[in-house]
Protein backbone atom coordinates (compact mmCIF):
# COMPACT_ATOMS: atom_id res chain seq x y z
CA MET A 1 62.75 188.60 136.61
CA THR A 2 64.44 190.48 133.85
CA THR A 3 64.51 190.03 129.96
CA ALA A 4 68.17 188.58 130.48
CA ASP A 5 67.17 186.06 132.97
CA ARG A 6 64.41 184.81 130.72
CA TRP A 7 66.46 184.71 127.64
CA GLY A 8 69.65 184.29 128.85
CA ALA A 9 72.61 186.88 129.07
CA GLY A 10 73.11 186.67 125.17
CA GLY A 11 69.54 187.26 124.48
CA GLY A 12 68.28 184.92 121.75
CA ARG A 13 65.01 182.48 120.91
CA SER A 14 63.51 180.21 123.50
CA ASP A 15 62.82 176.41 122.28
CA ALA A 16 59.14 177.75 121.48
CA ASP A 17 60.49 180.14 119.13
CA ASP A 18 61.92 177.26 117.05
CA ARG A 19 58.36 175.84 116.54
CA PRO A 20 57.10 176.08 112.79
CA VAL A 21 55.06 179.32 111.80
CA VAL A 22 52.47 180.15 109.63
CA GLY A 23 53.70 178.87 106.11
CA ASP A 24 56.13 176.62 107.19
CA GLN A 25 55.48 172.70 105.78
CA VAL A 26 54.86 170.26 108.84
CA PRO A 27 54.25 166.50 108.57
CA ILE A 28 50.62 165.54 108.58
CA ALA A 29 48.89 162.19 109.19
CA GLU A 30 47.49 160.09 106.00
CA ARG A 31 45.09 158.95 108.58
CA ILE A 32 42.82 160.11 111.62
CA ILE A 33 40.26 158.45 113.85
CA CYS A 34 36.86 159.63 113.12
CA VAL A 35 35.32 161.30 116.04
CA ASP A 36 31.88 160.49 114.86
CA CYS A 37 32.34 156.51 114.91
CA GLY A 38 35.73 155.73 115.95
CA ASP A 39 36.68 154.20 112.37
CA GLU A 40 39.78 155.48 110.23
CA ALA A 41 39.50 158.78 108.13
CA GLY A 42 42.05 159.11 105.15
CA LEU A 43 43.37 162.25 103.63
CA ILE A 44 41.64 163.45 101.07
CA SER A 45 43.22 166.68 100.30
CA HIS A 46 46.07 167.12 97.80
CA THR A 47 49.41 168.17 99.40
CA ASP A 48 52.77 168.99 97.70
CA PRO A 49 54.91 167.69 98.75
CA PRO A 50 52.87 164.50 99.63
CA GLY A 51 52.70 164.13 103.60
CA MET A 52 53.27 167.82 104.37
CA ALA A 53 51.05 170.70 104.54
CA PRO A 54 51.83 174.59 105.63
CA VAL A 55 50.72 175.67 109.31
CA GLY A 56 47.56 177.70 108.87
CA SER A 57 46.33 175.82 105.86
CA ILE A 58 43.20 173.17 105.85
CA VAL A 59 43.30 169.53 105.04
CA ALA A 60 40.15 167.45 104.46
CA TYR A 61 40.02 163.77 105.68
CA ARG A 62 36.96 161.28 104.85
CA CYS A 63 35.97 158.50 107.19
CA ARG A 64 35.58 155.00 105.55
CA SER A 65 32.54 154.04 107.46
CA CYS A 66 30.20 156.85 108.05
CA LEU A 67 31.66 159.21 105.42
CA GLU A 68 31.69 162.17 107.78
CA ARG A 69 34.14 164.84 106.20
CA TRP A 70 36.62 166.89 108.83
CA ASP A 71 38.15 169.83 107.57
CA ILE A 72 41.24 170.45 110.12
CA GLU A 73 43.40 173.36 110.46
CA VAL A 74 47.08 172.47 110.47
CA ASP A 75 49.23 173.74 113.50
CA SER A 76 52.92 174.00 114.21
CA ASP A 77 52.34 170.34 115.43
CA GLY A 78 50.92 169.12 112.25
CA ILE A 79 48.29 166.60 112.30
């Protein structure tokens, strides 16, 4: 397979290249499911703008039942 076959005759970017990269803002969840107990863990990190965080950053969640803290790296899919 040639590069032209893979990228198309005119070159360009694939769909994967349109994904956010480190530093781009992506939406993150206000709540996640705690892996330890199965209850909800709420976002405790301040984000600006609210509900968004840069790819590659770390955001923290705290479980409302077991109080476990989860530090999660934001990827290009968000959280």
